[in-house]
């Protein structure tokens, strides 16, 4: 509580106008910090999702390509599309 009282009694906060200005600057800094953290989290979430999509897409494609040729001749291509979807 003493710290807050010393901060409020500081010379640069002598008027209400100065208090509003300092409060506005503090809010802008906090909002910029929040947006920065949100951007970092969004980037890593998107990167994780794309990585999982690439991993499973590769596994699925390799699985279909490694099947015997006879299977590809007898299988309906619409079934492959439905299996992917």
PDB file of N, CA and C in Angstrom:
ATOM      1  N   UNK A   1       0.822  -1.187   0.000  1.00  0.00           N
ATOM      2  CA  UNK A   1       0.000   0.000   0.000  1.00  0.00           C
ATOM      3  C   UNK A   1       0.865   1.248   0.000  1.00  0.00           C
ATOM      4  N   UNK A   2       1.997   1.164   0.677  1.00  0.00           N
ATOM      5  CA  UNK A   2       2.899   2.314   0.734  1.00  0.00           C
ATOM      6  C   UNK A   2       3.435   2.636  -0.655  1.00  0.00           C
ATOM      7  N   UNK A   3       3.737   1.597  -1.434  1.00  0.00           N
ATOM      8  CA  UNK A   3       4.250   1.814  -2.782  1.00  0.00           C
ATOM      9  C   UNK A   3       3.232   2.565  -3.634  1.00  0.00           C
ATOM     10  N   UNK A   4       1.974   2.157  -3.537  1.00  0.00           N
ATOM     11  CA  UNK A   4       0.927   2.818  -4.323  1.00  0.00           C
ATOM     12  C   UNK A   4       0.790   4.278  -3.911  1.00  0.00           C
ATOM     13  N   UNK A   5       0.883   4.538  -2.612  1.00  0.00           N
ATOM     14  CA  UNK A   5       0.761   5.919  -2.139  1.00  0.00           C
ATOM     15  C   UNK A   5       1.935   6.760  -2.632  1.00  0.00           C
ATOM     16  N   UNK A   6       3.142   6.197  -2.623  1.00  0.00           N
ATOM     17  CA  UNK A   6       4.312   6.926  -3.122  1.00  0.00           C
ATOM     18  C   UNK A   6       4.186   7.167  -4.625  1.00  0.00           C
ATOM     19  N   UNK A   7       3.656   6.190  -5.341  1.00  0.00           N
ATOM     20  CA  UNK A   7       3.500   6.328  -6.786  1.00  0.00           C
ATOM     21  C   UNK A   7       2.491   7.418  -7.119  1.00  0.00           C
ATOM     22  N   UNK A   8       1.398   7.445  -6.374  1.00  0.00           N
ATOM     23  CA  UNK A   8       0.368   8.453  -6.624  1.00  0.00           C
ATOM     24  C   UNK A   8       0.861   9.839  -6.230  1.00  0.00           C
ATOM     25  N   UNK A   9       1.674   9.923  -5.180  1.00  0.00           N
ATOM     26  CA  UNK A   9       2.198  11.211  -4.733  1.00  0.00           C
ATOM     27  C   UNK A   9       3.382  11.682  -5.564  1.00  0.00           C
ATOM     28  N   UNK A  10       3.776  10.944  -6.577  1.00  0.00           N
ATOM     29  CA  UNK A  10       4.922  11.329  -7.404  1.00  0.00           C
ATOM     30  C   UNK A  10       4.625  12.641  -8.122  1.00  0.00           C
ATOM     31  N   UNK A  11       5.681  13.365  -8.459  1.00  0.00           N
ATOM     32  CA  UNK A  11       5.536  14.684  -9.050  1.00  0.00           C
ATOM     33  C   UNK A  11       4.885  14.686 -10.418  1.00  0.00           C
ATOM     34  N   UNK A  12       5.105  13.629 -11.212  1.00  0.00           N
ATOM     35  CA  UNK A  12       4.552  13.634 -12.569  1.00  0.00           C
ATOM     36  C   UNK A  12       3.064  13.287 -12.585  1.00  0.00           C
ATOM     37  N   UNK A  13       2.504  12.905 -11.454  1.00  0.00           N
ATOM     38  CA  UNK A  13       1.071  12.632 -11.370  1.00  0.00           C
ATOM     39  C   UNK A  13       0.377  13.697 -10.526  1.00  0.00           C
ATOM     40  N   UNK A  14       0.767  14.925 -10.720  1.00  0.00           N
ATOM     41  CA  UNK A  14       0.239  15.992  -9.871  1.00  0.00           C
ATOM     42  C   UNK A  14      -1.179  16.403 -10.248  1.00  0.00           C
ATOM     43  N   UNK A  15      -1.606  16.100 -11.449  1.00  0.00           N
ATOM     44  CA  UNK A  15      -2.963  16.489 -11.843  1.00  0.00           C
ATOM     45  C   UNK A  15      -3.713  15.279 -12.399  1.00  0.00           C
ATOM     46  N   UNK A  16      -5.007  15.432 -12.529  1.00  0.00           N
ATOM     47  CA  UNK A  16      -5.845  14.357 -13.066  1.00  0.00           C
ATOM     48  C   UNK A  16      -5.495  14.075 -14.521  1.00  0.00           C
ATOM     49  N   UNK A  17      -5.102  15.107 -15.241  1.00  0.00           N
ATOM     50  CA  UNK A  17      -4.730  14.950 -16.645  1.00  0.00           C
ATOM     51  C   UNK A  17      -3.505  14.041 -16.780  1.00  0.00           C
ATOM     52  N   UNK A  18      -2.520  14.233 -15.895  1.00  0.00           N
ATOM     53  CA  UNK A  18      -1.325  13.384 -15.924  1.00  0.00           C
ATOM     54  C   UNK A  18      -1.662  11.941 -15.557  1.00  0.00           C
ATOM     55  N   UNK A  19      -2.548  11.767 -14.585  1.00  0.00           N
ATOM     56  CA  UNK A  19      -2.953  10.424 -14.184  1.00  0.00           C
ATOM     57  C   UNK A  19      -3.649   9.698 -15.338  1.00  0.00           C
ATOM     58  N   UNK A  20      -4.510  10.401 -16.051  1.00  0.00           N
ATOM     59  CA  UNK A  20      -5.201   9.806 -17.200  1.00  0.00           C
ATOM     60  C   UNK A  20      -4.206   9.457 -18.299  1.00  0.00           C
ATOM     61  N   UNK A  21      -3.233  10.316 -18.534  1.00  0.00           N
ATOM     62  CA  UNK A  21      -2.225  10.066 -19.559  1.00  0.00           C
ATOM     63  C   UNK A  21      -1.388   8.834 -19.221  1.00  0.00           C
ATOM     64  N   UNK A  22      -0.923   8.750 -17.980  1.00  0.00           N
ATOM     65  CA  UNK A  22      -0.110   7.598 -17.566  1.00  0.00           C
ATOM     66  C   UNK A  22      -0.946   6.323 -17.603  1.00  0.00           C
ATOM     67  N   UNK A  23      -2.192   6.392 -17.165  1.00  0.00           N
ATOM     68  CA  UNK A  23      -3.067   5.215 -17.210  1.00  0.00           C
ATOM     69  C   UNK A  23      -3.294   4.756 -18.649  1.00  0.00           C
ATOM     70  N   UNK A  24      -3.464   5.705 -19.555  1.00  0.00           N
ATOM     71  CA  UNK A  24      -3.644   5.359 -20.966  1.00  0.00           C
ATOM     72  C   UNK A  24      -2.423   4.686 -21.558  1.00  0.00           C
ATOM     73  N   UNK A  25      -1.242   5.196 -21.223  1.00  0.00           N
ATOM     74  CA  UNK A  25      -0.004   4.592 -21.727  1.00  0.00           C
ATOM     75  C   UNK A  25       0.164   3.182 -21.166  1.00  0.00           C
ATOM     76  N   UNK A  26      -0.133   3.012 -19.881  1.00  0.00           N
ATOM     77  CA  UNK A  26      -0.030   1.677 -19.275  1.00  0.00           C
ATOM     78  C   UNK A  26      -1.003   0.718 -19.955  1.00  0.00           C
ATOM     79  N   UNK A  27      -2.213   1.162 -20.237  1.00  0.00           N
ATOM     80  CA  UNK A  27      -3.191   0.303 -20.913  1.00  0.00           C
ATOM     81  C   UNK A  27      -2.733  -0.062 -22.325  1.00  0.00           C
ATOM     82  N   UNK A  28      -2.157   0.893 -23.040  1.00  0.00           N
ATOM     83  CA  UNK A  28      -1.653   0.597 -24.388  1.00  0.00           C
ATOM     84  C   UNK A  28      -0.545  -0.449 -24.345  1.00  0.00           C
ATOM     85  N   UNK A  29       0.342  -0.338 -23.366  1.00  0.00           N
ATOM     86  CA  UNK A  29       1.427  -1.317 -23.228  1.00  0.00           C
ATOM     87  C   UNK A  29       0.855  -2.693 -22.906  1.00  0.00           C
ATOM     88  N   UNK A  30      -0.113  -2.750 -21.999  1.00  0.00           N
ATOM     89  CA  UNK A  30      -0.717  -4.038 -21.647  1.00  0.00           C
ATOM     90  C   UNK A  30      -1.460  -4.660 -22.830  1.00  0.00           C
ATOM     91  N   UNK A  31      -2.168  -3.848 -23.597  1.00  0.00           N
ATOM     92  CA  UNK A  31      -2.891  -4.361 -24.767  1.00  0.00           C
ATOM     93  C   UNK A  31      -1.908  -4.862 -25.827  1.00  0.00           C
ATOM     94  N   UNK A  32      -0.816  -4.131 -26.037  1.00  0.00           N
ATOM     95  CA  UNK A  32       0.198  -4.567 -27.004  1.00  0.00           C
ATOM     96  C   UNK A  32       0.833  -5.880 -26.555  1.00  0.00           C
ATOM     97  N   UNK A  33       1.095  -6.016 -25.261  1.00  0.00           N
ATOM     98  CA  UNK A  33       1.672  -7.249 -24.726  1.00  0.00           C
ATOM     99  C   UNK A  33       0.704  -8.418 -24.911  1.00  0.00           C
ATOM    100  N   UNK A  34      -0.582  -8.190 -24.614  1.00  0.00           N
ATOM    101  CA  UNK A  34      -1.592  -9.230 -24.779  1.00  0.00           C
ATOM    102  C   UNK A  34      -1.705  -9.666 -26.234  1.00  0.00           C
ATOM    103  N   UNK A  35      -1.696  -8.703 -27.140  1.00  0.00           N
ATOM    104  CA  UNK A  35      -1.794  -9.032 -28.565  1.00  0.00           C
ATOM    105  C   UNK A  35      -0.563  -9.782 -29.055  1.00  0.00           C
ATOM    106  N   UNK A  36       0.602  -9.437 -28.529  1.00  0.00           N
ATOM    107  CA  UNK A  36       1.816 -10.158 -28.891  1.00  0.00           C
ATOM    108  C   UNK A  36       1.767 -11.607 -28.444  1.00  0.00           C
ATOM    109  N   UNK A  37       1.334 -11.832 -27.209  1.00  0.00           N
ATOM    110  CA  UNK A  37       1.209 -13.203 -26.700  1.00  0.00           C
ATOM    111  C   UNK A  37       0.174 -13.977 -27.519  1.00  0.00           C
ATOM    112  N   UNK A  38      -0.936 -13.329 -27.843  1.00  0.00           N
ATOM    113  CA  UNK A  38      -1.984 -13.987 -28.634  1.00  0.00           C
ATOM    114  C   UNK A  38      -1.473 -14.355 -30.023  1.00  0.00           C
ATOM    115  N   UNK A  39      -0.680 -13.484 -30.632  1.00  0.00           N
ATOM    116  CA  UNK A  39      -0.120 -13.776 -31.957  1.00  0.00           C
ATOM    117  C   UNK A  39       0.829 -14.964 -31.896  1.00  0.00           C
ATOM    118  N   UNK A  40       1.646 -15.029 -30.858  1.00  0.00           N
ATOM    119  CA  UNK A  40       2.588 -16.149 -30.714  1.00  0.00           C
ATOM    120  C   UNK A  40       1.832 -17.459 -30.527  1.00  0.00           C
ATOM    121  N   UNK A  41       0.818 -17.455 -29.672  1.00  0.00           N
ATOM    122  CA  UNK A  41       0.034 -18.674 -29.431  1.00  0.00           C
ATOM    123  C   UNK A  41      -0.696 -19.109 -30.700  1.00  0.00           C
ATOM    124  N   UNK A  42      -1.261 -18.167 -31.435  1.00  0.00           N
ATOM    125  CA  UNK A  42      -1.960 -18.494 -32.682  1.00  0.00           C
ATOM    126  C   UNK A  42      -1.000 -19.087 -33.709  1.00  0.00           C
ATOM    127  N   UNK A  43       0.200 -18.518 -33.806  1.00  0.00           N
ATOM    128  CA  UNK A  43       1.205 -19.031 -34.739  1.00  0.00           C
ATOM    129  C   UNK A  43       1.558 -20.477 -34.405  1.00  0.00           C
ATOM    130  N   UNK A  44       1.824 -20.763 -33.123  1.00  0.00           N
ATOM    131  CA  UNK A  44       2.219 -22.119 -32.749  1.00  0.00           C
ATOM    132  C   UNK A  44       1.065 -23.110 -32.885  1.00  0.00           C
ATOM    133  N   UNK A  45      -0.159 -22.660 -32.640  1.00  0.00           N
ATOM    134  CA  UNK A  45      -1.305 -23.554 -32.845  1.00  0.00           C
ATOM    135  C   UNK A  45      -1.474 -23.893 -34.322  1.00  0.00           C
ATOM    136  N   UNK A  46      -1.330 -22.897 -35.189  1.00  0.00           N
ATOM    137  CA  UNK A  46      -1.445 -23.141 -36.629  1.00  0.00           C
ATOM    138  C   UNK A  46      -0.314 -24.039 -37.107  1.00  0.00           C
ATOM    139  N   UNK A  47       0.878 -23.797 -36.606  1.00  0.00           N
ATOM    140  CA  UNK A  47       2.019 -24.624 -37.003  1.00  0.00           C
ATOM    141  C   UNK A  47       1.822 -26.072 -36.563  1.00  0.00           C
ATOM    142  N   UNK A  48       1.313 -26.265 -35.361  1.00  0.00           N
ATOM    143  CA  UNK A  48       1.045 -27.612 -34.863  1.00  0.00           C
ATOM    144  C   UNK A  48      -0.011 -28.303 -35.725  1.00  0.00           C
ATOM    145  N   UNK A  49      -1.094 -27.594 -36.057  1.00  0.00           N
ATOM    146  CA  UNK A  49      -2.158 -28.170 -36.877  1.00  0.00           C
ATOM    147  C   UNK A  49      -1.683 -28.552 -38.263  1.00  0.00           C
ATOM    148  N   UNK A  50      -0.880 -27.697 -38.877  1.00  0.00           N
ATOM    149  CA  UNK A  50      -0.350 -27.991 -40.212  1.00  0.00           C
ATOM    150  C   UNK A  50       0.599 -29.184 -40.154  1.00  0.00           C
ATOM    151  N   UNK A  51       1.377 -29.271 -39.095  1.00  0.00           N
ATOM    152  CA  UNK A  51       2.286 -30.410 -38.941  1.00  0.00           C
ATOM    153  C   UNK A  51       1.535 -31.722 -38.822  1.00  0.00           C
ATOM    154  N   UNK A  52       0.464 -31.728 -38.057  1.00  0.00           N
ATOM    155  CA  UNK A  52      -0.344 -32.949 -37.911  1.00  0.00           C
ATOM    156  C   UNK A  52      -1.007 -33.309 -39.236  1.00  0.00           C
ATOM    157  N   UNK A  53      -1.517 -32.292 -39.929  1.00  0.00           N
ATOM    158  CA  UNK A  53      -2.155 -32.541 -41.228  1.00  0.00           C
ATOM    159  C   UNK A  53      -1.159 -33.125 -42.224  1.00  0.00           C
ATOM    160  N   UNK A  54       0.043 -32.596 -42.261  1.00  0.00           N
ATOM    161  CA  UNK A  54       1.061 -33.105 -43.183  1.00  0.00           C
ATOM    162  C   UNK A  54       1.477 -34.525 -42.809  1.00  0.00           C
ATOM    163  N   UNK A  55       1.601 -34.791 -41.519  1.00  0.00           N
ATOM    164  CA  UNK A  55       2.003 -36.126 -41.064  1.00  0.00           C
ATOM    165  C   UNK A  55       0.970 -37.174 -41.474  1.00  0.00           C
ATOM    166  N   UNK A  56      -0.296 -36.919 -41.150  1.00  0.00           N
ATOM    167  CA  UNK A  56      -1.323 -37.911 -41.470  1.00  0.00           C
ATOM    168  C   UNK A  56      -1.588 -38.001 -42.972  1.00  0.00           C
ATOM    169  N   UNK A  57      -1.478 -36.899 -43.689  1.00  0.00           N
ATOM    170  CA  UNK A  57      -1.629 -36.946 -45.145  1.00  0.00           C
ATOM    171  C   UNK A  57      -0.546 -37.791 -45.786  1.00  0.00           C
ATOM    172  N   UNK A  58       0.669 -37.641 -45.298  1.00  0.00           N
ATOM    173  CA  UNK A  58       1.785 -38.432 -45.816  1.00  0.00           C
ATOM    174  C   UNK A  58       1.596 -39.914 -45.504  1.00  0.00           C
ATOM    175  N   UNK A  59       1.169 -40.217 -44.273  1.00  0.00           N
ATOM    176  CA  UNK A  59       0.944 -41.621 -43.904  1.00  0.00           C
ATOM    177  C   UNK A  59      -0.166 -42.236 -44.768  1.00  0.00           C
ATOM    178  N   UNK A  60      -1.234 -41.474 -45.010  1.00  0.00           N
ATOM    179  CA  UNK A  60      -2.348 -41.978 -45.807  1.00  0.00           C
ATOM    180  C   UNK A  60      -1.932 -42.206 -47.256  1.00  0.00           C
ATOM    181  N   UNK A  61      -1.221 -41.244 -47.837  1.00  0.00           N
ATOM    182  CA  UNK A  61      -0.777 -41.385 -49.222  1.00  0.00           C
ATOM    183  C   UNK A  61       0.190 -42.556 -49.370  1.00  0.00           C
ATOM    184  N   UNK A  62       1.139 -42.667 -48.452  1.00  0.00           N
ATOM    185  CA  UNK A  62       2.078 -43.794 -48.524  1.00  0.00           C
ATOM    186  C   UNK A  62       1.353 -45.122 -48.354  1.00  0.00           C
ATOM    187  N   UNK A  63       0.336 -45.142 -47.504  1.00  0.00           N
ATOM    188  CA  UNK A  63      -0.439 -46.377 -47.327  1.00  0.00           C
ATOM    189  C   UNK A  63      -1.145 -46.787 -48.606  1.00  0.00           C
ATOM    190  N   UNK A  64      -1.733 -45.822 -49.317  1.00  0.00           N
ATOM    191  CA  UNK A  64      -2.405 -46.145 -50.581  1.00  0.00           C
ATOM    192  C   UNK A  64      -1.406 -46.517 -51.666  1.00  0.00           C
ATOM    193  N   UNK A  65      -0.268 -45.848 -51.701  1.00  0.00           N
ATOM    194  CA  UNK A  65       0.710 -46.137 -52.750  1.00  0.00           C
ATOM    195  C   UNK A  65       1.404 -47.477 -52.552  1.00  0.00           C
ATOM    196  N   UNK A  66       1.482 -47.964 -51.340  1.00  0.00           N
ATOM    197  CA  UNK A  66       2.163 -49.229 -51.074  1.00  0.00           C
ATOM    198  C   UNK A  66       1.253 -50.449 -51.220  1.00  0.00           C
ATOM    199  N   UNK A  67      -0.005 -50.210 -51.518  1.00  0.00           N
ATOM    200  CA  UNK A  67      -0.909 -51.340 -51.728  1.00  0.00           C
ATOM    201  C   UNK A  67      -0.555 -52.032 -53.048  1.00  0.00           C
ATOM    202  N   UNK A  68      -0.875 -53.306 -53.166  1.00  0.00           N
ATOM    203  CA  UNK A  68      -0.563 -54.025 -54.403  1.00  0.00           C
ATOM    204  C   UNK A  68      -1.318 -53.445 -55.602  1.00  0.00           C
ATOM    205  N   UNK A  69      -0.713 -53.602 -56.772  1.00  0.00           N
ATOM    206  CA  UNK A  69      -1.280 -53.061 -58.007  1.00  0.00           C
ATOM    207  C   UNK A  69      -2.660 -53.657 -58.289  1.00  0.00           C
ATOM    208  N   UNK A  70      -2.836 -54.909 -57.966  1.00  0.00           N
ATOM    209  CA  UNK A  70      -4.117 -55.574 -58.191  1.00  0.00           C
ATOM    210  C   UNK A  70      -5.229 -54.891 -57.389  1.00  0.00           C
ATOM    211  N   UNK A  71      -4.914 -54.434 -56.207  1.00  0.00           N
ATOM    212  CA  UNK A  71      -5.913 -53.742 -55.383  1.00  0.00           C
ATOM    213  C   UNK A  71      -6.373 -52.457 -56.078  1.00  0.00           C
ATOM    214  N   UNK A  72      -5.445 -51.747 -56.692  1.00  0.00           N
ATOM    215  CA  UNK A  72      -5.790 -50.508 -57.385  1.00  0.00           C
ATOM    216  C   UNK A  72      -6.657 -50.772 -58.619  1.00  0.00           C
ATOM    217  N   UNK A  73      -6.450 -51.913 -59.255  1.00  0.00           N
ATOM    218  CA  UNK A  73      -7.250 -52.252 -60.435  1.00  0.00           C
ATOM    219  C   UNK A  73      -8.681 -52.615 -60.067  1.00  0.00           C
ATOM    220  N   UNK A  74      -8.859 -53.233 -58.929  1.00  0.00           N
ATOM    221  CA  UNK A  74     -10.191 -53.709 -58.544  1.00  0.00           C
ATOM    222  C   UNK A  74     -10.954 -52.717 -57.670  1.00  0.00           C
ATOM    223  N   UNK A  75     -10.276 -51.748 -57.121  1.00  0.00           N
ATOM    224  CA  UNK A  75     -10.921 -50.810 -56.196  1.00  0.00           C
ATOM    225  C   UNK A  75     -11.548 -49.648 -56.961  1.00  0.00           C
ATOM    226  N   UNK A  76     -12.707 -49.230 -56.514  1.00  0.00           N
ATOM    227  CA  UNK A  76     -13.391 -48.087 -57.099  1.00  0.00           C
ATOM    228  C   UNK A  76     -12.733 -46.798 -56.567  1.00  0.00           C
ATOM    229  N   UNK A  77     -12.436 -45.854 -57.467  1.00  0.00           N
ATOM    230  CA  UNK A  77     -11.768 -44.623 -57.032  1.00  0.00           C
ATOM    231  C   UNK A  77     -12.667 -43.770 -56.141  1.00  0.00           C
ATOM    232  N   UNK A  78     -13.966 -43.906 -56.274  1.00  0.00           N
ATOM    233  CA  UNK A  78     -14.877 -43.165 -55.397  1.00  0.00           C
ATOM    234  C   UNK A  78     -14.720 -43.619 -53.947  1.00  0.00           C
ATOM    235  N   UNK A  79     -14.399 -44.897 -53.756  1.00  0.00           N
ATOM    236  CA  UNK A  79     -14.162 -45.389 -52.399  1.00  0.00           C
ATOM    237  C   UNK A  79     -12.926 -44.729 -51.787  1.00  0.00           C
ATOM    238  N   UNK A  80     -11.920 -44.477 -52.608  1.00  0.00           N
ATOM    239  CA  UNK A  80     -10.720 -43.796 -52.109  1.00  0.00           C
ATOM    240  C   UNK A  80     -11.043 -42.371 -51.665  1.00  0.00           C
ATOM    241  N   UNK A  81     -11.841 -41.690 -52.463  1.00  0.00           N
ATOM    242  CA  UNK A  81     -12.219 -40.315 -52.118  1.00  0.00           C
ATOM    243  C   UNK A  81     -13.022 -40.307 -50.827  1.00  0.00           C
ATOM    244  N   UNK A  82     -13.941 -41.243 -50.681  1.00  0.00           N
ATOM    245  CA  UNK A  82     -14.734 -41.325 -49.452  1.00  0.00           C
ATOM    246  C   UNK A  82     -13.873 -41.690 -48.252  1.00  0.00           C
ATOM    247  N   UNK A  83     -12.846 -42.498 -48.453  1.00  0.00           N
ATOM    248  CA  UNK A  83     -11.958 -42.868 -47.354  1.00  0.00           C
ATOM    249  C   UNK A  83     -11.153 -41.667 -46.875  1.00  0.00           C
ATOM    250  N   UNK A  84     -10.769 -40.794 -47.796  1.00  0.00           N
ATOM    251  CA  UNK A  84      -9.995 -39.608 -47.427  1.00  0.00           C
ATOM    252  C   UNK A  84     -10.886 -38.607 -46.708  1.00  0.00           C
ATOM    253  N   UNK A  85     -12.112 -38.464 -47.177  1.00  0.00           N
ATOM    254  CA  UNK A  85     -13.036 -37.509 -46.549  1.00  0.00           C
ATOM    255  C   UNK A  85     -13.555 -38.112 -45.290  1.00  0.00           C
TER     256      UNK A  85
END
